[in-house]
N, C-alpha and C. Protein backbone atom coordinates (compact mmCIF):
# COMPACT_ATOMS: atom_id res chain seq x y z
N MET A 1 -18.81 5.18 3.34
CA MET A 1 -18.15 4.37 4.48
C MET A 1 -17.84 5.49 5.76
N GLU A 2 -18.03 4.90 7.15
CA GLU A 2 -18.09 6.24 7.69
C GLU A 2 -16.41 6.34 7.92
N TYR A 3 -16.46 7.44 8.64
CA TYR A 3 -15.00 8.49 8.73
C TYR A 3 -14.05 7.51 9.50
N ASN A 4 -14.30 6.89 10.52
CA ASN A 4 -13.67 6.19 11.59
C ASN A 4 -13.10 5.05 10.64
N LYS A 5 -13.90 4.38 10.11
CA LYS A 5 -13.31 3.14 9.06
C LYS A 5 -12.31 3.62 8.13
N VAL A 6 -12.55 5.02 7.27
CA VAL A 6 -11.86 5.53 6.39
C VAL A 6 -10.35 5.53 7.07
N LEU A 7 -10.19 6.03 8.22
CA LEU A 7 -9.17 6.16 9.12
C LEU A 7 -8.27 4.48 9.06
N GLU A 8 -9.10 3.54 9.26
CA GLU A 8 -8.45 2.56 9.18
C GLU A 8 -7.72 2.03 8.18
N ALA A 9 -8.53 2.24 6.90
CA ALA A 9 -8.09 2.12 5.56
C ALA A 9 -7.04 2.91 4.75
N LEU A 10 -6.87 4.52 5.14
CA LEU A 10 -6.13 5.10 4.40
C LEU A 10 -5.11 5.97 5.48
N ALA A 11 -3.82 5.84 5.09
CA ALA A 11 -2.53 6.47 5.61
C ALA A 11 -2.91 7.89 5.72
N PRO A 12 -2.11 8.66 6.77
CA PRO A 12 -2.20 10.14 7.06
C PRO A 12 -1.78 10.82 5.47
N CYS A 13 -1.16 10.33 4.95
CA CYS A 13 -0.47 10.91 3.63
C CYS A 13 -2.03 10.63 2.53
N GLY A 14 -2.71 9.91 2.53
CA GLY A 14 -3.50 9.39 1.55
C GLY A 14 -3.45 7.98 0.96
N LEU A 15 -2.46 7.39 1.29
CA LEU A 15 -2.49 6.23 0.49
C LEU A 15 -3.12 5.15 1.20
N SER A 16 -3.57 4.17 0.58
CA SER A 16 -4.26 2.83 1.14
C SER A 16 -3.60 1.92 1.74
N CYS A 17 -3.46 1.90 2.99
CA CYS A 17 -2.71 1.00 3.96
C CYS A 17 -3.32 -0.61 3.57
N GLN A 18 -4.16 -0.73 3.42
CA GLN A 18 -5.23 -2.08 2.85
C GLN A 18 -4.63 -2.72 1.91
N LYS A 19 -3.96 -1.54 0.51
CA LYS A 19 -3.85 -2.08 -0.66
C LYS A 19 -2.32 -2.12 -0.76
N CYS A 20 -1.64 -1.88 0.40
CA CYS A 20 -0.01 -2.05 0.55
C CYS A 20 0.42 -3.76 0.63
N MET A 21 1.51 -3.70 -0.35
CA MET A 21 2.02 -5.17 -0.39
C MET A 21 2.49 -5.57 0.95
N ALA A 22 2.68 -4.62 2.04
CA ALA A 22 3.43 -4.81 3.50
C ALA A 22 2.21 -5.04 4.61
N TYR A 23 1.00 -4.74 3.99
CA TYR A 23 -0.19 -4.71 5.00
C TYR A 23 -0.60 -6.20 5.15
N ALA A 24 -0.28 -6.52 6.63
CA ALA A 24 -0.81 -7.75 7.21
C ALA A 24 -1.84 -8.57 6.87
N SER A 25 -3.00 -7.62 7.09
CA SER A 25 -4.35 -7.97 6.29
C SER A 25 -4.88 -7.70 5.21
N GLY A 26 -4.07 -6.99 4.12
CA GLY A 26 -4.59 -6.69 3.09
C GLY A 26 -4.77 -7.55 2.04
N ASP A 27 -5.11 -6.80 1.10
CA ASP A 27 -5.46 -7.65 -0.47
C ASP A 27 -4.29 -8.55 -0.77
N ILE A 28 -3.48 -7.60 -0.78
CA ILE A 28 -2.23 -8.38 -1.73
C ILE A 28 -1.78 -9.68 -0.78
N GLN A 29 -1.35 -9.66 0.53
CA GLN A 29 -1.32 -10.56 1.30
C GLN A 29 -2.10 -11.80 1.27
N TYR A 30 -3.42 -11.67 1.27
CA TYR A 30 -4.50 -12.37 1.18
C TYR A 30 -4.22 -13.23 -0.18
N HIS A 31 -4.32 -12.49 -1.38
CA HIS A 31 -4.37 -12.89 -2.59
C HIS A 31 -2.90 -13.99 -2.78
N SER A 32 -2.09 -13.30 -2.17
CA SER A 32 -0.68 -13.95 -2.38
C SER A 32 -0.60 -15.36 -1.59
N GLU A 33 -1.29 -15.61 -0.37
CA GLU A 33 -1.26 -16.55 0.42
C GLU A 33 -2.35 -17.46 -0.29
N LYS A 34 -3.32 -16.85 -0.78
CA LYS A 34 -4.21 -18.10 -1.92
C LYS A 34 -3.61 -18.59 -2.94
N LEU A 35 -2.70 -17.94 -3.62
CA LEU A 35 -2.02 -18.04 -4.98
C LEU A 35 -0.78 -19.18 -4.47
N LYS A 36 -0.09 -19.01 -3.39
CA LYS A 36 0.68 -19.76 -3.06
C LYS A 36 0.15 -21.28 -2.35
N GLU A 37 -0.87 -21.18 -1.83
CA GLU A 37 -1.82 -22.37 -1.57
C GLU A 37 -2.01 -23.28 -2.93
N LEU A 38 -2.64 -22.14 -3.90
CA LEU A 38 -3.09 -22.92 -5.19
C LEU A 38 -1.88 -23.81 -6.10
N LEU A 39 -0.65 -23.10 -5.82
CA LEU A 39 0.31 -23.23 -6.62
C LEU A 39 1.20 -24.79 -6.24
N GLY A 40 0.76 -24.72 -4.81
CA GLY A 40 1.59 -26.02 -4.04
C GLY A 40 2.98 -26.20 -4.20
N SER A 41 3.18 -27.41 -4.94
CA SER A 41 4.50 -27.87 -5.10
C SER A 41 5.06 -27.46 -6.66
N PHE A 42 4.37 -26.50 -7.51
CA PHE A 42 4.40 -26.47 -8.91
C PHE A 42 5.78 -26.03 -9.23
N GLU A 43 7.05 -26.29 -8.35
CA GLU A 43 8.32 -26.02 -8.96
C GLU A 43 8.96 -27.09 -9.41
N ASN A 44 8.36 -28.18 -9.39
CA ASN A 44 8.84 -29.34 -10.02
C ASN A 44 7.79 -29.24 -11.69
N TYR A 45 6.58 -28.85 -11.84
CA TYR A 45 6.06 -28.63 -13.27
C TYR A 45 6.95 -27.30 -13.80
N ALA A 46 7.13 -26.48 -13.16
CA ALA A 46 7.85 -25.42 -13.73
C ALA A 46 9.31 -25.78 -14.45
N LYS A 47 9.81 -26.68 -13.74
CA LYS A 47 11.31 -27.11 -14.19
C LYS A 47 10.89 -27.54 -15.62
N ARG A 48 9.94 -28.83 -15.82
CA ARG A 48 9.64 -29.33 -16.91
C ARG A 48 8.93 -28.13 -18.18
N PHE A 49 8.25 -27.64 -17.56
CA PHE A 49 7.53 -26.34 -18.65
C PHE A 49 8.56 -25.58 -19.37
N SER A 50 9.69 -25.23 -18.40
CA SER A 50 10.76 -24.49 -19.16
C SER A 50 11.47 -24.97 -20.16
N LYS A 51 11.45 -26.02 -20.58
CA LYS A 51 11.92 -26.61 -21.67
C LYS A 51 11.29 -26.15 -22.91
N MET A 52 9.65 -25.79 -22.57
CA MET A 52 8.93 -25.34 -23.62
C MET A 52 8.55 -24.22 -23.79
N TRP A 53 8.61 -23.50 -22.42
CA TRP A 53 8.44 -22.12 -22.39
C TRP A 53 9.28 -21.61 -21.51
N PRO A 54 10.69 -21.24 -21.99
CA PRO A 54 11.61 -20.66 -20.98
C PRO A 54 11.46 -19.70 -19.87
N ILE A 55 10.06 -18.94 -20.02
CA ILE A 55 9.69 -17.98 -19.02
C ILE A 55 9.57 -18.70 -17.54
N PHE A 56 9.20 -20.42 -17.48
CA PHE A 56 8.94 -20.92 -16.50
C PHE A 56 10.37 -21.34 -15.60
N GLY A 57 11.45 -20.91 -16.26
CA GLY A 57 12.87 -20.89 -15.84
C GLY A 57 12.84 -20.01 -14.50
N ASN A 58 12.25 -18.89 -14.56
CA ASN A 58 12.39 -17.78 -13.41
C ASN A 58 11.18 -18.40 -12.52
N TYR A 59 10.64 -19.21 -12.22
CA TYR A 59 9.75 -19.78 -11.34
C TYR A 59 10.68 -19.32 -9.78
N PRO A 60 11.72 -19.57 -9.59
CA PRO A 60 12.05 -19.66 -8.54
C PRO A 60 12.11 -18.41 -7.92
N GLN A 61 12.54 -17.37 -8.83
CA GLN A 61 12.67 -15.90 -8.14
C GLN A 61 10.98 -15.40 -7.93
N PHE A 62 9.91 -16.15 -8.72
CA PHE A 62 8.86 -15.50 -8.55
C PHE A 62 8.31 -16.40 -7.22
N LYS A 63 8.66 -17.57 -6.86
CA LYS A 63 8.31 -18.20 -5.61
C LYS A 63 9.14 -17.62 -4.47
N GLU A 64 10.09 -16.74 -4.67
CA GLU A 64 10.52 -16.18 -3.61
C GLU A 64 9.93 -14.96 -3.44
N LEU A 65 9.67 -14.34 -4.46
CA LEU A 65 8.82 -12.89 -4.21
C LEU A 65 7.28 -13.27 -4.01
N LEU A 66 6.51 -14.57 -4.00
CA LEU A 66 5.50 -14.55 -3.56
C LEU A 66 5.69 -15.02 -2.11
N GLY A 67 6.88 -15.66 -1.71
CA GLY A 67 6.93 -16.07 -0.30
C GLY A 67 6.86 -14.61 0.59
N HIS A 68 7.80 -13.85 -0.04
CA HIS A 68 7.96 -12.32 0.76
C HIS A 68 6.75 -11.60 0.82
N LEU A 69 5.78 -11.73 -0.02
CA LEU A 69 4.51 -10.96 -0.30
C LEU A 69 3.57 -11.77 0.98
N VAL A 70 3.49 -12.99 1.03
CA VAL A 70 2.89 -13.78 2.05
C VAL A 70 3.22 -13.31 3.51
N GLN A 71 4.24 -12.79 3.95
CA GLN A 71 4.85 -12.58 5.29
C GLN A 71 4.71 -10.99 5.41
N ALA A 72 3.86 -10.59 4.94
CA ALA A 72 3.52 -9.22 5.15
C ALA A 72 2.95 -8.90 6.61
N ASN A 73 3.82 -7.85 7.09
CA ASN A 73 3.54 -7.79 8.90
C ASN A 73 3.18 -6.54 9.22
N CYS A 74 2.77 -5.54 8.48
CA CYS A 74 2.86 -3.94 8.61
C CYS A 74 1.45 -4.29 9.31
N THR A 75 1.13 -3.02 10.40
CA THR A 75 0.12 -2.91 11.21
C THR A 75 -0.85 -1.64 10.63
N GLY A 76 -0.14 -0.91 9.49
CA GLY A 76 -0.54 0.34 8.92
C GLY A 76 0.07 1.46 9.56
N CYS A 77 -0.07 2.29 8.81
CA CYS A 77 0.84 3.64 9.43
C CYS A 77 0.36 4.47 10.69
N ARG A 78 -1.05 4.45 10.93
CA ARG A 78 -1.54 4.91 11.90
C ARG A 78 -1.04 4.11 13.33
N GLU A 79 -0.75 2.93 13.24
CA GLU A 79 -0.38 1.85 14.04
C GLU A 79 1.26 2.03 14.36
N GLY A 80 1.81 2.87 13.49
CA GLY A 80 3.34 3.00 13.64
C GLY A 80 4.20 1.95 12.78
N GLY A 81 3.47 1.35 11.91
CA GLY A 81 3.85 0.48 10.77
C GLY A 81 4.46 0.96 9.57
N CYS A 82 4.67 2.31 9.23
CA CYS A 82 5.20 3.11 8.23
C CYS A 82 6.46 2.49 7.67
N LYS A 83 6.16 1.70 6.60
CA LYS A 83 7.64 1.41 5.90
C LYS A 83 7.98 2.02 5.10
N TYR A 84 7.58 3.37 4.44
CA TYR A 84 8.65 4.14 3.79
C TYR A 84 9.85 4.87 4.66
N PRO A 85 10.91 4.78 4.17
CA PRO A 85 12.03 5.01 4.89
C PRO A 85 12.13 6.66 5.15
N ASN A 86 12.05 6.95 6.23
CA ASN A 86 11.94 8.40 6.58
C ASN A 86 11.23 9.11 6.74
N CYS A 87 9.76 8.62 6.59
CA CYS A 87 8.73 9.18 6.39
C CYS A 87 8.41 10.08 7.32
N GLY A 88 8.18 11.57 6.68
CA GLY A 88 7.89 12.52 7.52
C GLY A 88 6.49 12.90 7.74
N VAL A 89 5.75 12.14 7.40
CA VAL A 89 4.30 12.17 7.63
C VAL A 89 3.85 11.53 8.80
N ALA A 90 4.35 10.41 9.09
CA ALA A 90 4.12 9.36 9.82
C ALA A 90 4.17 10.09 11.33
N GLY A 91 4.90 11.08 11.83
CA GLY A 91 5.04 11.61 13.22
C GLY A 91 4.62 12.88 13.13
N CYS A 92 4.56 13.47 11.92
CA CYS A 92 3.90 15.26 11.68
C CYS A 92 2.37 14.94 12.16
N TYR A 93 1.88 14.28 11.66
CA TYR A 93 0.23 14.30 11.75
C TYR A 93 -0.03 14.13 12.91
N LYS A 94 0.60 13.45 13.79
CA LYS A 94 0.05 13.53 14.96
C LYS A 94 0.49 14.90 15.78
N ALA A 95 1.64 15.02 15.77
CA ALA A 95 2.24 16.16 16.17
C ALA A 95 1.20 17.33 15.54
N LYS A 96 0.41 17.45 14.88
CA LYS A 96 -0.57 18.49 14.31
C LYS A 96 -1.61 18.33 14.57
N ASN A 97 -1.96 17.17 15.18
CA ASN A 97 -3.13 16.74 15.49
C ASN A 97 -4.38 16.87 14.37
N VAL A 98 -3.93 16.35 13.23
CA VAL A 98 -4.74 16.07 12.05
C VAL A 98 -4.98 14.54 11.57
N ASP A 99 -5.82 14.44 10.77
CA ASP A 99 -5.92 12.66 10.24
C ASP A 99 -5.23 12.87 9.18
N PHE A 100 -5.33 13.94 8.35
CA PHE A 100 -4.80 13.82 7.02
C PHE A 100 -3.78 15.09 6.69
N CYS A 101 -2.95 14.92 5.79
CA CYS A 101 -2.21 16.00 5.71
C CYS A 101 -3.05 17.48 5.08
N PHE A 102 -3.73 17.45 4.25
CA PHE A 102 -4.55 18.48 3.79
C PHE A 102 -5.15 19.02 4.83
N GLN A 103 -5.64 18.39 6.21
CA GLN A 103 -6.11 19.30 7.24
C GLN A 103 -5.40 19.97 8.00
N CYS A 104 -3.94 20.27 7.72
CA CYS A 104 -2.83 21.02 8.33
C CYS A 104 -2.90 22.35 7.94
N LYS A 105 -2.63 23.48 8.53
CA LYS A 105 -2.70 24.78 7.97
C LYS A 105 -1.53 25.06 7.45
N GLU A 106 -0.59 24.14 7.44
CA GLU A 106 0.83 24.21 6.71
C GLU A 106 0.70 23.26 5.53
N PHE A 107 -0.19 22.53 4.99
CA PHE A 107 -0.24 21.98 3.70
C PHE A 107 -0.43 22.92 2.68
N PRO A 108 0.30 22.62 1.63
CA PRO A 108 1.57 21.51 1.32
C PRO A 108 2.82 22.16 2.05
N CYS A 109 3.44 21.08 2.52
CA CYS A 109 4.81 21.59 3.18
C CYS A 109 6.10 20.48 2.45
N ASP A 110 7.19 20.74 3.14
CA ASP A 110 8.46 20.34 2.62
C ASP A 110 8.66 19.43 3.81
N LYS A 111 8.13 18.46 4.39
CA LYS A 111 8.26 17.52 5.67
C LYS A 111 8.21 16.11 5.11
N THR A 112 7.39 15.90 3.97
CA THR A 112 7.35 14.43 3.91
C THR A 112 8.58 13.71 3.83
N ASN A 113 9.60 14.17 3.02
CA ASN A 113 10.57 13.41 2.67
C ASN A 113 10.44 12.06 1.73
N PHE A 114 9.35 12.61 0.86
CA PHE A 114 8.89 11.67 0.02
C PHE A 114 9.80 11.91 -1.56
N ASP A 115 10.05 10.54 -2.40
CA ASP A 115 10.48 11.10 -3.48
C ASP A 115 9.46 11.79 -4.38
N GLU A 116 10.00 12.19 -5.54
CA GLU A 116 9.46 13.09 -6.56
C GLU A 116 7.90 12.52 -7.01
N ASN A 117 7.94 11.22 -7.28
CA ASN A 117 6.70 10.26 -7.83
C ASN A 117 5.84 10.76 -6.47
N LEU A 118 6.16 9.97 -5.42
CA LEU A 118 5.27 9.93 -4.34
C LEU A 118 4.93 11.23 -3.74
N GLU A 119 5.95 12.40 -4.06
CA GLU A 119 5.21 13.72 -3.76
C GLU A 119 4.12 13.86 -4.49
N THR A 120 4.19 13.76 -5.70
CA THR A 120 3.00 14.24 -6.53
C THR A 120 1.83 13.54 -6.44
N ARG A 121 2.09 12.36 -5.75
CA ARG A 121 0.67 11.78 -5.63
C ARG A 121 0.25 11.86 -4.44
N TRP A 122 0.94 12.44 -3.86
CA TRP A 122 0.56 12.87 -1.91
C TRP A 122 -0.10 14.16 -2.46
N MET A 123 0.12 14.97 -3.19
CA MET A 123 -0.40 16.44 -3.13
C MET A 123 -1.79 15.96 -3.87
N ARG A 124 -1.96 15.10 -5.10
CA ARG A 124 -2.81 14.85 -5.80
C ARG A 124 -4.02 14.15 -4.90
N MET A 125 -3.72 13.19 -3.97
CA MET A 125 -4.52 12.91 -3.15
C MET A 125 -5.27 13.74 -2.28
N ASN A 126 -4.21 14.47 -1.57
CA ASN A 126 -4.73 15.44 -0.53
C ASN A 126 -5.61 16.41 -0.98
N ASN A 127 -5.19 16.98 -1.98
CA ASN A 127 -6.07 17.71 -2.91
C ASN A 127 -7.16 17.36 -3.16
N ARG A 128 -7.39 16.16 -3.43
CA ARG A 128 -9.03 15.59 -4.15
C ARG A 128 -9.53 15.21 -2.52
N MET A 129 -8.88 14.94 -1.47
CA MET A 129 -9.57 14.70 -0.41
C MET A 129 -10.20 16.11 0.01
N LYS A 130 -9.68 16.79 -0.19
CA LYS A 130 -9.89 18.73 0.47
C LYS A 130 -11.05 18.90 -0.34
N GLN A 131 -10.99 18.63 -1.59
CA GLN A 131 -11.93 19.06 -2.59
C GLN A 131 -13.35 18.28 -2.47
N ILE A 132 -13.09 16.85 -2.18
CA ILE A 132 -14.76 16.20 -2.16
C ILE A 132 -14.98 15.61 -0.55
N GLY A 133 -13.89 15.69 0.33
CA GLY A 133 -14.30 14.93 1.56
C GLY A 133 -13.49 13.64 1.53
N VAL A 134 -13.17 13.46 2.89
CA VAL A 134 -12.75 11.99 2.90
C VAL A 134 -13.34 10.76 2.68
N GLU A 135 -14.27 10.64 3.14
CA GLU A 135 -15.15 9.38 3.05
C GLU A 135 -15.59 9.46 1.38
N GLU A 136 -15.91 10.57 0.49
CA GLU A 136 -16.04 10.37 -0.80
C GLU A 136 -14.82 10.01 -1.57
N TYR A 137 -13.60 10.45 -1.03
CA TYR A 137 -12.52 9.86 -1.68
C TYR A 137 -12.11 8.49 -1.69
N TYR A 138 -12.55 8.13 -0.27
CA TYR A 138 -12.27 6.64 -0.40
C TYR A 138 -13.12 6.02 -1.17
N ASN A 139 -14.27 6.29 -1.16
CA ASN A 139 -15.54 5.45 -2.20
C ASN A 139 -14.95 5.97 -3.58
N GLU A 140 -14.42 6.80 -4.02
CA GLU A 140 -14.02 7.13 -5.34
C GLU A 140 -12.82 6.07 -5.52
N THR A 141 -11.96 5.62 -4.62
CA THR A 141 -10.64 5.09 -5.02
C THR A 141 -10.30 3.60 -4.44
N LYS A 142 -11.68 3.30 -3.76
CA LYS A 142 -11.69 2.01 -3.07
C LYS A 142 -11.19 0.75 -3.89
N ASP A 143 -11.83 0.96 -5.33
CA ASP A 143 -11.51 -0.24 -6.29
C ASP A 143 -10.28 0.09 -6.87
N MET A 144 -9.55 1.19 -6.78
CA MET A 144 -8.36 1.54 -7.87
C MET A 144 -7.22 0.96 -7.05
N PRO A 145 -6.36 0.28 -8.41
CA PRO A 145 -4.98 -0.18 -7.74
C PRO A 145 -4.46 1.10 -6.61
N ARG A 146 -3.25 0.63 -5.84
CA ARG A 146 -2.77 1.60 -5.12
C ARG A 146 -1.94 2.17 -6.10
N HIS A 147 -0.96 1.69 -6.86
CA HIS A 147 -0.02 1.97 -7.44
C HIS A 147 -0.32 2.33 -8.79
N VAL A 148 -0.77 3.64 -8.90
CA VAL A 148 -1.12 4.21 -10.18
C VAL A 148 -0.29 5.27 -10.75
């Protein structure tokens, strides 16, 4: 994939916007919409099924979550839609005039405001992009789940 297309797919931190649950035209939103359509008015059946299989008693919560996933409205981190609270990367990459954190001469830094898990992933993603290149990193990860 060409570099400009990769920029549309990956956030400056290295996470895939296209695979994010909040991304308006992403895979999760798309498949959630399709699942909602396929289920139709399944809640009537879920009530009956719950007598045989108690798990179906949780259907109202599942339906609420599915409804939330369908309403994804983020336009992507590069478009100002970053949903991570107090993300330090969102403004920093623009100020540093780089596309990805690893391209900054201060990488790695302590400006991300990420929690420990995301900080570890951020380091791993950016080090891998630095090692093999942005396009190859995208190709290597495009079929992997975002949340690994």
